[in-house]
Full PDB file with SEQRES, HELIX, SHEET, SSBOND, CRYST1, ORIGX, SCALE, CONECT and MASTER records, all heavy atoms in Angstrom:
SEQRES   1 A   42  VAL ALA SER ILE THR ASN GLY ASP SER ARG SER ASP SER          
SEQRES   2 A   42  LYS SER VAL LYS GLY ARG PHE THR ILE SER THR ASP ASN          
SEQRES   3 A   42  VAL HIS THR VAL TYR LEU GLN MET ASN SER LEU LYS PRO          
SEQRES   4 A   42  GLU ASP THR                                                  
HELIX    1 AA1 LYS A   14  VAL A   16  5                                   3    
HELIX    2 AA2 PRO A   39  ASP A   41  5                                   3    
SHEET    1 AA1 2 ALA A   2  THR A   5  0                                        
SHEET    2 AA1 2 ASP A   8  SER A  11 -1                                        
SHEET    1 AA2 2 PHE A  20  THR A  24  0                                        
SHEET    2 AA2 2 VAL A  30  MET A  34 -1                                        
CRYST1    1.000    1.000    1.000  90.00  90.00  90.00 P 1           1          
ORIGX1      1.000000  0.000000  0.000000        0.00000                         
ORIGX2      0.000000  1.000000  0.000000        0.00000                         
ORIGX3      0.000000  0.000000  1.000000        0.00000                         
SCALE1      1.000000  0.000000  0.000000        0.00000                         
SCALE2      0.000000  1.000000  0.000000        0.00000                         
SCALE3      0.000000  0.000000  1.000000        0.00000                         
ATOM      1  N   VAL A   1       0.828  -1.207   0.000  1.00  0.00           N  
ATOM      2  CA  VAL A   1       0.000   0.000   0.000  1.00  0.00           C  
ATOM      3  C   VAL A   1       0.862   1.256   0.000  1.00  0.00           C  
ATOM      4  O   VAL A   1       0.672   2.155  -0.812  1.00  0.00           O  
ATOM      5  CB  VAL A   1      -0.937  -0.003   1.218  1.00  0.00           C  
ATOM      6  CG1 VAL A   1      -1.698   1.301   1.306  1.00  0.00           C  
ATOM      7  CG2 VAL A   1      -1.899  -1.178   1.144  1.00  0.00           C  
ATOM      8  N   ALA A   2       1.792   1.325   0.922  1.00  0.00           N  
ATOM      9  CA  ALA A   2       2.659   2.498   1.050  1.00  0.00           C  
ATOM     10  C   ALA A   2       3.951   2.069   1.731  1.00  0.00           C  
ATOM     11  O   ALA A   2       3.955   1.106   2.496  1.00  0.00           O  
ATOM     12  CB  ALA A   2       1.978   3.603   1.850  1.00  0.00           C  
ATOM     13  N   SER A   3       5.026   2.789   1.461  1.00  0.00           N  
ATOM     14  CA  SER A   3       6.314   2.367   2.010  1.00  0.00           C  
ATOM     15  C   SER A   3       7.260   3.540   2.184  1.00  0.00           C  
ATOM     16  O   SER A   3       7.067   4.619   1.601  1.00  0.00           O  
ATOM     17  CB  SER A   3       6.958   1.314   1.108  1.00  0.00           C  
ATOM     18  OG  SER A   3       7.216   1.843  -0.181  1.00  0.00           O  
ATOM     19  N   ILE A   4       8.277   3.305   2.983  1.00  0.00           N  
ATOM     20  CA  ILE A   4       9.380   4.241   3.166  1.00  0.00           C  
ATOM     21  C   ILE A   4      10.661   3.448   2.937  1.00  0.00           C  
ATOM     22  O   ILE A   4      10.910   2.450   3.617  1.00  0.00           O  
ATOM     23  CB  ILE A   4       9.394   4.863   4.570  1.00  0.00           C  
ATOM     24  CG1 ILE A   4       8.115   5.670   4.813  1.00  0.00           C  
ATOM     25  CG2 ILE A   4      10.625   5.745   4.743  1.00  0.00           C  
ATOM     26  CD1 ILE A   4       7.996   6.219   6.223  1.00  0.00           C  
ATOM     27  N   THR A   5      11.452   3.895   1.971  1.00  0.00           N  
ATOM     28  CA  THR A   5      12.719   3.247   1.672  1.00  0.00           C  
ATOM     29  C   THR A   5      13.820   4.290   1.731  1.00  0.00           C  
ATOM     30  O   THR A   5      13.753   5.297   1.032  1.00  0.00           O  
ATOM     31  CB  THR A   5      12.699   2.600   0.275  1.00  0.00           C  
ATOM     32  OG1 THR A   5      11.596   1.694   0.186  1.00  0.00           O  
ATOM     33  CG2 THR A   5      14.000   1.843   0.022  1.00  0.00           C  
ATOM     34  N   ASN A   6      14.802   4.030   2.555  1.00  0.00           N  
ATOM     35  CA  ASN A   6      15.902   4.988   2.735  1.00  0.00           C  
ATOM     36  C   ASN A   6      15.381   6.396   3.019  1.00  0.00           C  
ATOM     37  O   ASN A   6      15.936   7.383   2.504  1.00  0.00           O  
ATOM     38  CB  ASN A   6      16.806   4.989   1.502  1.00  0.00           C  
ATOM     39  CG  ASN A   6      17.587   3.696   1.376  1.00  0.00           C  
ATOM     40  OD1 ASN A   6      17.940   3.066   2.363  1.00  0.00           O  
ATOM     41  ND2 ASN A   6      17.834   3.296   0.137  1.00  0.00           N  
ATOM     42  N   GLY A   7      14.315   6.490   3.785  1.00  0.00           N  
ATOM     43  CA  GLY A   7      13.790   7.783   4.184  1.00  0.00           C  
ATOM     44  C   GLY A   7      12.793   8.410   3.221  1.00  0.00           C  
ATOM     45  O   GLY A   7      12.177   9.425   3.554  1.00  0.00           O  
ATOM     46  N   ASP A   8      12.630   7.834   2.038  1.00  0.00           N  
ATOM     47  CA  ASP A   8      11.686   8.383   1.061  1.00  0.00           C  
ATOM     48  C   ASP A   8      10.363   7.634   1.131  1.00  0.00           C  
ATOM     49  O   ASP A   8      10.337   6.418   0.930  1.00  0.00           O  
ATOM     50  CB  ASP A   8      12.252   8.278  -0.354  1.00  0.00           C  
ATOM     51  CG  ASP A   8      13.454   9.177  -0.548  1.00  0.00           C  
ATOM     52  OD1 ASP A   8      13.481  10.257   0.069  1.00  0.00           O  
ATOM     53  OD2 ASP A   8      14.357   8.803  -1.312  1.00  0.00           O  
ATOM     54  N   SER A   9       9.304   8.372   1.387  1.00  0.00           N  
ATOM     55  CA  SER A   9       8.000   7.735   1.502  1.00  0.00           C  
ATOM     56  C   SER A   9       7.225   7.849   0.195  1.00  0.00           C  
ATOM     57  O   SER A   9       7.399   8.798  -0.569  1.00  0.00           O  
ATOM     58  CB  SER A   9       7.189   8.376   2.633  1.00  0.00           C  
ATOM     59  OG  SER A   9       6.946   9.735   2.345  1.00  0.00           O  
ATOM     60  N   ARG A  10       6.356   6.878  -0.047  1.00  0.00           N  
ATOM     61  CA  ARG A  10       5.536   6.916  -1.240  1.00  0.00           C  
ATOM     62  C   ARG A  10       4.300   6.059  -1.047  1.00  0.00           C  
ATOM     63  O   ARG A  10       4.267   5.168  -0.207  1.00  0.00           O  
ATOM     64  CB  ARG A  10       6.322   6.406  -2.438  1.00  0.00           C  
ATOM     65  CG  ARG A  10       6.689   4.928  -2.344  1.00  0.00           C  
ATOM     66  CD  ARG A  10       7.525   4.501  -3.527  1.00  0.00           C  
ATOM     67  NE  ARG A  10       7.760   3.061  -3.522  1.00  0.00           N  
ATOM     68  CZ  ARG A  10       8.587   2.462  -4.376  1.00  0.00           C  
ATOM     69  NH1 ARG A  10       9.240   3.144  -5.280  1.00  0.00           N  
ATOM     70  NH2 ARG A  10       8.752   1.151  -4.310  1.00  0.00           N  
ATOM     71  N   SER A  11       3.285   6.340  -1.846  1.00  0.00           N  
ATOM     72  CA  SER A  11       2.100   5.491  -1.916  1.00  0.00           C  
ATOM     73  C   SER A  11       2.315   4.532  -3.076  1.00  0.00           C  
ATOM     74  O   SER A  11       2.469   4.973  -4.218  1.00  0.00           O  
ATOM     75  CB  SER A  11       0.852   6.331  -2.142  1.00  0.00           C  
ATOM     76  OG  SER A  11       0.632   7.191  -1.050  1.00  0.00           O  
ATOM     77  N   ASP A  12       2.340   3.264  -2.787  1.00  0.00           N  
ATOM     78  CA  ASP A  12       2.650   2.285  -3.814  1.00  0.00           C  
ATOM     79  C   ASP A  12       1.426   1.784  -4.567  1.00  0.00           C  
ATOM     80  O   ASP A  12       1.562   1.269  -5.680  1.00  0.00           O  
ATOM     81  CB  ASP A  12       3.380   1.088  -3.181  1.00  0.00           C  
ATOM     82  CG  ASP A  12       4.736   1.480  -2.649  1.00  0.00           C  
ATOM     83  OD1 ASP A  12       4.825   1.902  -1.489  1.00  0.00           O  
ATOM     84  OD2 ASP A  12       5.714   1.392  -3.426  1.00  0.00           O  
ATOM     85  N   SER A  13       0.286   1.934  -3.980  1.00  0.00           N  
ATOM     86  CA  SER A  13      -0.928   1.481  -4.627  1.00  0.00           C  
ATOM     87  C   SER A  13      -1.657   2.673  -5.230  1.00  0.00           C  
ATOM     88  O   SER A  13      -1.916   3.663  -4.554  1.00  0.00           O  
ATOM     89  CB  SER A  13      -1.837   0.776  -3.620  1.00  0.00           C  
ATOM     90  OG  SER A  13      -3.099   0.519  -4.181  1.00  0.00           O  
ATOM     91  N   LYS A  14      -1.989   2.582  -6.516  1.00  0.00           N  
ATOM     92  CA  LYS A  14      -2.692   3.674  -7.180  1.00  0.00           C  
ATOM     93  C   LYS A  14      -4.032   3.953  -6.505  1.00  0.00           C  
ATOM     94  O   LYS A  14      -4.494   5.084  -6.482  1.00  0.00           O  
ATOM     95  CB  LYS A  14      -2.905   3.344  -8.648  1.00  0.00           C  
ATOM     96  CG  LYS A  14      -1.642   3.312  -9.485  1.00  0.00           C  
ATOM     97  CD  LYS A  14      -1.964   3.012 -10.942  1.00  0.00           C  
ATOM     98  CE  LYS A  14      -0.699   2.983 -11.780  1.00  0.00           C  
ATOM     99  NZ  LYS A  14      -0.995   2.687 -13.204  1.00  0.00           N  
ATOM    100  N   SER A  15      -4.634   2.921  -5.959  1.00  0.00           N  
ATOM    101  CA  SER A  15      -5.965   3.074  -5.390  1.00  0.00           C  
ATOM    102  C   SER A  15      -5.976   3.893  -4.100  1.00  0.00           C  
ATOM    103  O   SER A  15      -7.039   4.305  -3.654  1.00  0.00           O  
ATOM    104  CB  SER A  15      -6.577   1.696  -5.133  1.00  0.00           C  
ATOM    105  OG  SER A  15      -5.833   0.991  -4.153  1.00  0.00           O  
ATOM    106  N   VAL A  16      -4.803   4.122  -3.499  1.00  0.00           N  
ATOM    107  CA  VAL A  16      -4.789   4.879  -2.244  1.00  0.00           C  
ATOM    108  C   VAL A  16      -4.094   6.231  -2.373  1.00  0.00           C  
ATOM    109  O   VAL A  16      -4.033   6.988  -1.403  1.00  0.00           O  
ATOM    110  CB  VAL A  16      -4.108   4.073  -1.108  1.00  0.00           C  
ATOM    111  CG1 VAL A  16      -4.743   2.700  -0.981  1.00  0.00           C  
ATOM    112  CG2 VAL A  16      -2.610   3.961  -1.323  1.00  0.00           C  
ATOM    113  N   LYS A  17      -3.578   6.540  -3.546  1.00  0.00           N  
ATOM    114  CA  LYS A  17      -2.870   7.826  -3.720  1.00  0.00           C  
ATOM    115  C   LYS A  17      -3.787   8.974  -3.381  1.00  0.00           C  
ATOM    116  O   LYS A  17      -4.946   9.023  -3.809  1.00  0.00           O  
ATOM    117  CB  LYS A  17      -2.362   7.963  -5.148  1.00  0.00           C  
ATOM    118  CG  LYS A  17      -1.119   7.140  -5.429  1.00  0.00           C  
ATOM    119  CD  LYS A  17      -0.532   7.461  -6.779  1.00  0.00           C  
ATOM    120  CE  LYS A  17       0.602   6.512  -7.129  1.00  0.00           C  
ATOM    121  NZ  LYS A  17       1.738   6.645  -6.197  1.00  0.00           N  
ATOM    122  N   GLY A  18      -3.266   9.895  -2.569  1.00  0.00           N  
ATOM    123  CA  GLY A  18      -4.045  11.054  -2.169  1.00  0.00           C  
ATOM    124  C   GLY A  18      -4.936  10.802  -0.968  1.00  0.00           C  
ATOM    125  O   GLY A  18      -5.521  11.729  -0.418  1.00  0.00           O  
ATOM    126  N   ARG A  19      -5.034   9.557  -0.546  1.00  0.00           N  
ATOM    127  CA  ARG A  19      -5.870   9.210   0.605  1.00  0.00           C  
ATOM    128  C   ARG A  19      -5.075   8.637   1.769  1.00  0.00           C  
ATOM    129  O   ARG A  19      -5.402   8.881   2.924  1.00  0.00           O  
ATOM    130  CB  ARG A  19      -6.938   8.198   0.192  1.00  0.00           C  
ATOM    131  CG  ARG A  19      -7.884   8.697  -0.896  1.00  0.00           C  
ATOM    132  CD  ARG A  19      -9.053   7.745  -1.111  1.00  0.00           C  
ATOM    133  NE  ARG A  19      -8.636   6.414  -1.538  1.00  0.00           N  
ATOM    134  CZ  ARG A  19      -8.918   5.292  -0.865  1.00  0.00           C  
ATOM    135  NH1 ARG A  19      -9.609   5.348   0.258  1.00  0.00           N  
ATOM    136  NH2 ARG A  19      -8.517   4.117  -1.331  1.00  0.00           N  
ATOM    137  N   PHE A  20      -4.052   7.846   1.491  1.00  0.00           N  
ATOM    138  CA  PHE A  20      -3.260   7.194   2.536  1.00  0.00           C  
ATOM    139  C   PHE A  20      -1.875   7.824   2.583  1.00  0.00           C  
ATOM    140  O   PHE A  20      -1.262   8.097   1.551  1.00  0.00           O  
ATOM    141  CB  PHE A  20      -3.094   5.699   2.247  1.00  0.00           C  
ATOM    142  CG  PHE A  20      -4.338   4.868   2.388  1.00  0.00           C  
ATOM    143  CD1 PHE A  20      -5.590   5.432   2.498  1.00  0.00           C  
ATOM    144  CD2 PHE A  20      -4.240   3.489   2.397  1.00  0.00           C  
ATOM    145  CE1 PHE A  20      -6.727   4.669   2.613  1.00  0.00           C  
ATOM    146  CE2 PHE A  20      -5.374   2.689   2.521  1.00  0.00           C  
ATOM    147  CZ  PHE A  20      -6.613   3.289   2.626  1.00  0.00           C  
ATOM    148  N   THR A  21      -1.360   7.986   3.812  1.00  0.00           N  
ATOM    149  CA  THR A  21      -0.026   8.554   4.004  1.00  0.00           C  
ATOM    150  C   THR A  21       0.743   7.740   5.027  1.00  0.00           C  
ATOM    151  O   THR A  21       0.227   7.483   6.117  1.00  0.00           O  
ATOM    152  CB  THR A  21      -0.117  10.013   4.481  1.00  0.00           C  
ATOM    153  OG1 THR A  21      -0.891  10.779   3.550  1.00  0.00           O  
ATOM    154  CG2 THR A  21       1.278  10.622   4.590  1.00  0.00           C  
ATOM    155  N   ILE A  22       1.964   7.373   4.679  1.00  0.00           N  
ATOM    156  CA  ILE A  22       2.829   6.657   5.622  1.00  0.00           C  
ATOM    157  C   ILE A  22       3.786   7.648   6.260  1.00  0.00           C  
ATOM    158  O   ILE A  22       4.270   8.571   5.599  1.00  0.00           O  
ATOM    159  CB  ILE A  22       3.583   5.512   4.906  1.00  0.00           C  
ATOM    160  CG1 ILE A  22       4.340   4.647   5.923  1.00  0.00           C  
ATOM    161  CG2 ILE A  22       4.512   6.051   3.822  1.00  0.00           C  
ATOM    162  CD1 ILE A  22       4.923   3.376   5.311  1.00  0.00           C  
ATOM    163  N   SER A  23       4.047   7.451   7.541  1.00  0.00           N  
ATOM    164  CA  SER A  23       4.967   8.332   8.252  1.00  0.00           C  
ATOM    165  C   SER A  23       5.531   7.581   9.452  1.00  0.00           C  
ATOM    166  O   SER A  23       5.128   6.448   9.731  1.00  0.00           O  
ATOM    167  CB  SER A  23       4.259   9.614   8.707  1.00  0.00           C  
ATOM    168  OG  SER A  23       3.246   9.306   9.653  1.00  0.00           O  
ATOM    169  N   THR A  24       6.464   8.221  10.145  1.00  0.00           N  
ATOM    170  CA  THR A  24       7.037   7.608  11.348  1.00  0.00           C  
ATOM    171  C   THR A  24       7.169   8.655  12.451  1.00  0.00           C  
ATOM    172  O   THR A  24       7.026   9.859  12.202  1.00  0.00           O  
ATOM    173  CB  THR A  24       8.433   7.012  11.089  1.00  0.00           C  
ATOM    174  OG1 THR A  24       9.404   8.071  11.054  1.00  0.00           O  
ATOM    175  CG2 THR A  24       8.498   6.255   9.782  1.00  0.00           C  
ATOM    176  N   ASP A  25       7.482   8.190  13.654  1.00  0.00           N  
ATOM    177  CA  ASP A  25       7.766   9.111  14.761  1.00  0.00           C  
ATOM    178  C   ASP A  25       9.265   9.250  14.972  1.00  0.00           C  
ATOM    179  O   ASP A  25       9.699   9.827  15.960  1.00  0.00           O  
ATOM    180  CB  ASP A  25       7.093   8.626  16.045  1.00  0.00           C  
ATOM    181  CG  ASP A  25       7.703   7.339  16.582  1.00  0.00           C  
ATOM    182  OD1 ASP A  25       8.547   6.720  15.880  1.00  0.00           O  
ATOM    183  OD2 ASP A  25       7.339   6.938  17.697  1.00  0.00           O  
ATOM    184  N   ASN A  26      10.031   8.723  14.033  1.00  0.00           N  
ATOM    185  CA  ASN A  26      11.492   8.763  14.067  1.00  0.00           C  
ATOM    186  C   ASN A  26      12.098   8.011  15.248  1.00  0.00           C  
ATOM    187  O   ASN A  26      13.279   8.210  15.556  1.00  0.00           O  
ATOM    188  CB  ASN A  26      12.017  10.212  14.068  1.00  0.00           C  
ATOM    189  CG  ASN A  26      11.753  10.907  12.750  1.00  0.00           C  
ATOM    190  OD1 ASN A  26      11.782  10.287  11.689  1.00  0.00           O  
ATOM    191  ND2 ASN A  26      11.464  12.192  12.815  1.00  0.00           N  
ATOM    192  N   VAL A  27      11.311   7.171  15.870  1.00  0.00           N  
ATOM    193  CA  VAL A  27      11.836   6.393  17.000  1.00  0.00           C  
ATOM    194  C   VAL A  27      11.519   4.911  16.804  1.00  0.00           C  
ATOM    195  O   VAL A  27      12.386   4.125  16.432  1.00  0.00           O  
ATOM    196  CB  VAL A  27      11.276   6.885  18.348  1.00  0.00           C  
ATOM    197  CG1 VAL A  27      11.921   6.093  19.497  1.00  0.00           C  
ATOM    198  CG2 VAL A  27      11.513   8.373  18.523  1.00  0.00           C  
ATOM    199  N   HIS A  28      10.253   4.548  17.031  1.00  0.00           N  
ATOM    200  CA  HIS A  28       9.878   3.138  16.958  1.00  0.00           C  
ATOM    201  C   HIS A  28       8.631   2.856  16.138  1.00  0.00           C  
ATOM    202  O   HIS A  28       8.337   1.690  15.893  1.00  0.00           O  
ATOM    203  CB  HIS A  28       9.648   2.563  18.365  1.00  0.00           C  
ATOM    204  CG  HIS A  28      10.877   2.426  19.201  1.00  0.00           C  
ATOM    205  ND1 HIS A  28      11.829   1.461  18.968  1.00  0.00           N  
ATOM    206  CD2 HIS A  28      11.313   3.137  20.264  1.00  0.00           C  
ATOM    207  CE1 HIS A  28      12.796   1.584  19.856  1.00  0.00           C  
ATOM    208  NE2 HIS A  28      12.517   2.584  20.661  1.00  0.00           N  
ATOM    209  N   THR A  29       7.893   3.880  15.743  1.00  0.00           N  
ATOM    210  CA  THR A  29       6.551   3.654  15.222  1.00  0.00           C  
ATOM    211  C   THR A  29       6.412   4.098  13.772  1.00  0.00           C  
ATOM    212  O   THR A  29       6.867   5.175  13.394  1.00  0.00           O  
ATOM    213  CB  THR A  29       5.513   4.384  16.090  1.00  0.00           C  
ATOM    214  OG1 THR A  29       5.700   3.998  17.454  1.00  0.00           O  
ATOM    215  CG2 THR A  29       4.101   4.025  15.660  1.00  0.00           C  
ATOM    216  N   VAL A  30       5.747   3.252  12.997  1.00  0.00           N  
ATOM    217  CA  VAL A  30       5.379   3.564  11.621  1.00  0.00           C  
ATOM    218  C   VAL A  30       3.856   3.702  11.580  1.00  0.00           C  
ATOM    219  O   VAL A  30       3.152   2.849  12.110  1.00  0.00           O  
ATOM    220  CB  VAL A  30       5.814   2.440  10.653  1.00  0.00           C  
ATOM    221  CG1 VAL A  30       5.512   2.833   9.215  1.00  0.00           C  
ATOM    222  CG2 VAL A  30       7.293   2.126  10.829  1.00  0.00           C  
ATOM    223  N   TYR A  31       3.388   4.764  10.965  1.00  0.00           N  
ATOM    224  CA  TYR A  31       1.953   5.025  10.902  1.00  0.00           C  
ATOM    225  C   TYR A  31       1.443   4.883   9.468  1.00  0.00           C  
ATOM    226  O   TYR A  31       2.184   5.071   8.504  1.00  0.00           O  
ATOM    227  CB  TYR A  31       1.643   6.444  11.374  1.00  0.00           C  
ATOM    228  CG  TYR A  31       2.048   6.746  12.786  1.00  0.00           C  
ATOM    229  CD1 TYR A  31       3.174   7.531  13.046  1.00  0.00           C  
ATOM    230  CD2 TYR A  31       1.312   6.277  13.865  1.00  0.00           C  
ATOM    231  CE1 TYR A  31       3.554   7.825  14.343  1.00  0.00           C  
ATOM    232  CE2 TYR A  31       1.690   6.562  15.167  1.00  0.00           C  
ATOM    233  CZ  TYR A  31       2.814   7.335  15.399  1.00  0.00           C  
ATOM    234  OH  TYR A  31       3.188   7.620  16.682  1.00  0.00           O  
ATOM    235  N   LEU A  32       0.163   4.599   9.363  1.00  0.00           N  
ATOM    236  CA  LEU A  32      -0.532   4.699   8.092  1.00  0.00           C  
ATOM    237  C   LEU A  32      -1.814   5.479   8.351  1.00  0.00           C  
ATOM    238  O   LEU A  32      -2.736   4.964   8.985  1.00  0.00           O  
ATOM    239  CB  LEU A  32      -0.852   3.328   7.504  1.00  0.00           C  
ATOM    240  CG  LEU A  32      -1.513   3.366   6.127  1.00  0.00           C  
ATOM    241  CD1 LEU A  32      -0.527   3.894   5.078  1.00  0.00           C  
ATOM    242  CD2 LEU A  32      -2.020   1.983   5.706  1.00  0.00           C  
ATOM    243  N   GLN A  33      -1.843   6.709   7.895  1.00  0.00           N  
ATOM    244  CA  GLN A  33      -3.045   7.546   8.005  1.00  0.00           C  
ATOM    245  C   GLN A  33      -3.918   7.257   6.804  1.00  0.00           C  
ATOM    246  O   GLN A  33      -3.478   7.421   5.656  1.00  0.00           O  
ATOM    247  CB  GLN A  33      -2.671   9.020   8.051  1.00  0.00           C  
ATOM    248  CG  GLN A  33      -3.873   9.959   8.136  1.00  0.00           C  
ATOM    249  CD  GLN A  33      -4.632   9.829   9.436  1.00  0.00           C  
ATOM    250  OE1 GLN A  33      -4.040   9.745  10.508  1.00  0.00           O  
ATOM    251  NE2 GLN A  33      -5.955   9.811   9.337  1.00  0.00           N  
ATOM    252  N   MET A  34      -5.137   6.849   7.063  1.00  0.00           N  
ATOM    253  CA  MET A  34      -6.060   6.482   5.987  1.00  0.00           C  
ATOM    254  C   MET A  34      -7.276   7.396   6.047  1.00  0.00           C  
ATOM    255  O   MET A  34      -8.006   7.397   7.048  1.00  0.00           O  
ATOM    256  CB  MET A  34      -6.486   5.016   6.134  1.00  0.00           C  
ATOM    257  CG  MET A  34      -5.307   4.049   6.220  1.00  0.00           C  
ATOM    258  SD  MET A  34      -5.823   2.322   6.226  1.00  0.00           S  
ATOM    259  CE  MET A  34      -6.698   2.245   7.785  1.00  0.00           C  
ATOM    260  N   ASN A  35      -7.481   8.164   4.990  1.00  0.00           N  
ATOM    261  CA  ASN A  35      -8.609   9.085   4.905  1.00  0.00           C  
ATOM    262  C   ASN A  35      -9.528   8.683   3.759  1.00  0.00           C  
ATOM    263  O   ASN A  35      -9.130   7.940   2.858  1.00  0.00           O  
ATOM    264  CB  ASN A  35      -8.104  10.512   4.697  1.00  0.00           C  
ATOM    265  CG  ASN A  35      -7.237  11.000   5.832  1.00  0.00           C  
ATOM    266  OD1 ASN A  35      -7.456  10.668   7.002  1.00  0.00           O  
ATOM    267  ND2 ASN A  35      -6.238  11.814   5.504  1.00  0.00           N  
ATOM    268  N   SER A  36     -10.725   9.213   3.790  1.00  0.00           N  
ATOM    269  CA  SER A  36     -11.710   8.950   2.725  1.00  0.00           C  
ATOM    270  C   SER A  36     -11.810   7.457   2.431  1.00  0.00           C  
ATOM    271  O   SER A  36     -11.757   7.019   1.277  1.00  0.00           O  
ATOM    272  CB  SER A  36     -11.320   9.706   1.457  1.00  0.00           C  
ATOM    273  OG  SER A  36     -11.222  11.094   1.702  1.00  0.00           O  
ATOM    274  N   LEU A  37     -11.981   6.695   3.475  1.00  0.00           N  
ATOM    275  CA  LEU A  37     -11.991   5.243   3.331  1.00  0.00           C  
ATOM    276  C   LEU A  37     -13.181   4.765   2.516  1.00  0.00           C  
ATOM    277  O   LEU A  37     -14.281   5.340   2.588  1.00  0.00           O  
ATOM    278  CB  LEU A  37     -11.969   4.578   4.698  1.00  0.00           C  
ATOM    279  CG  LEU A  37     -10.590   4.573   5.371  1.00  0.00           C  
ATOM    280  CD1 LEU A  37     -10.714   4.360   6.866  1.00  0.00           C  
ATOM    281  CD2 LEU A  37      -9.703   3.509   4.747  1.00  0.00           C  
ATOM    282  N   LYS A  38     -12.935   3.706   1.757  1.00  0.00           N  
ATOM    283  CA  LYS A  38     -13.949   3.112   0.890  1.00  0.00           C  
ATOM    284  C   LYS A  38     -14.145   1.644   1.277  1.00  0.00           C  
ATOM    285  O   LYS A  38     -13.234   1.031   1.841  1.00  0.00           O  
ATOM    286  CB  LYS A  38     -13.489   3.186  -0.567  1.00  0.00           C  
ATOM    287  CG  LYS A  38     -13.127   4.571  -1.049  1.00  0.00           C  
ATOM    288  CD  LYS A  38     -12.571   4.521  -2.461  1.00  0.00           C  
ATOM    289  CE  LYS A  38     -12.175   5.898  -2.951  1.00  0.00           C  
ATOM    290  NZ  LYS A  38     -11.626   5.864  -4.334  1.00  0.00           N  
ATOM    291  N   PRO A  39     -15.295   1.086   0.957  1.00  0.00           N  
ATOM    292  CA  PRO A  39     -15.512  -0.337   1.267  1.00  0.00           C  
ATOM    293  C   PRO A  39     -14.424  -1.241   0.690  1.00  0.00           C  
ATOM    294  O   PRO A  39     -14.060  -2.249   1.318  1.00  0.00           O  
ATOM    295  CB  PRO A  39     -16.874  -0.625   0.641  1.00  0.00           C  
ATOM    296  CG  PRO A  39     -17.587   0.689   0.703  1.00  0.00           C  
ATOM    297  CD  PRO A  39     -16.520   1.721   0.452  1.00  0.00           C  
ATOM    298  N   GLU A  40     -13.878  -0.875  -0.456  1.00  0.00           N  
ATOM    299  CA  GLU A  40     -12.827  -1.697  -1.062  1.00  0.00           C  
ATOM    300  C   GLU A  40     -11.493  -1.611  -0.331  1.00  0.00           C  
ATOM    301  O   GLU A  40     -10.556  -2.334  -0.675  1.00  0.00           O  
ATOM    302  CB  GLU A  40     -12.629  -1.338  -2.543  1.00  0.00           C  
ATOM    303  CG  GLU A  40     -12.438   0.122  -2.823  1.00  0.00           C  
ATOM    304  CD  GLU A  40     -13.734   0.819  -3.222  1.00  0.00           C  
ATOM    305  OE1 GLU A  40     -14.781   0.553  -2.592  1.00  0.00           O  
ATOM    306  OE2 GLU A  40     -13.675   1.660  -4.151  1.00  0.00           O  
ATOM    307  N   ASP A  41     -11.403  -0.741   0.677  1.00  0.00           N  
ATOM    308  CA  ASP A  41     -10.202  -0.696   1.514  1.00  0.00           C  
ATOM    309  C   ASP A  41     -10.255  -1.744   2.626  1.00  0.00           C  
ATOM    310  O   ASP A  41      -9.275  -1.912   3.370  1.00  0.00           O  
ATOM    311  CB  ASP A  41     -10.036   0.689   2.149  1.00  0.00           C  
ATOM    312  CG  ASP A  41      -9.776   1.776   1.128  1.00  0.00           C  
ATOM    313  OD1 ASP A  41      -8.998   1.530   0.179  1.00  0.00           O  
ATOM    314  OD2 ASP A  41     -10.355   2.872   1.276  1.00  0.00           O  
ATOM    315  N   THR A  42     -11.376  -2.424   2.738  1.00  0.00           N  
ATOM    316  CA  THR A  42     -11.512  -3.460   3.751  1.00  0.00           C  
ATOM    317  C   THR A  42     -10.491  -4.565   3.529  1.00  0.00           C  
ATOM    318  O   THR A  42     -10.403  -5.137   2.435  1.00  0.00           O  
ATOM    319  CB  THR A  42     -12.926  -4.061   3.726  1.00  0.00           C  
ATOM    320  OG1 THR A  42     -13.865  -3.047   4.105  1.00  0.00           O  
ATOM    321  CG2 THR A  42     -13.056  -5.236   4.672  1.00  0.00           C  
TER     322      THR A  42                                                      
MASTER        0    0    0    2    4    0    0    6  321    1    0    4          
END                                                                             
């Protein structure tokens, strides 16, 4: 769906571009913020 490689983040799935964002807290946690969710995101 989304990934961070060598510090560069991206949305890997076309179906989530503009809706899902990957990020980190720079310590231990990786987040996936999901907005405008659709039934097909189940």
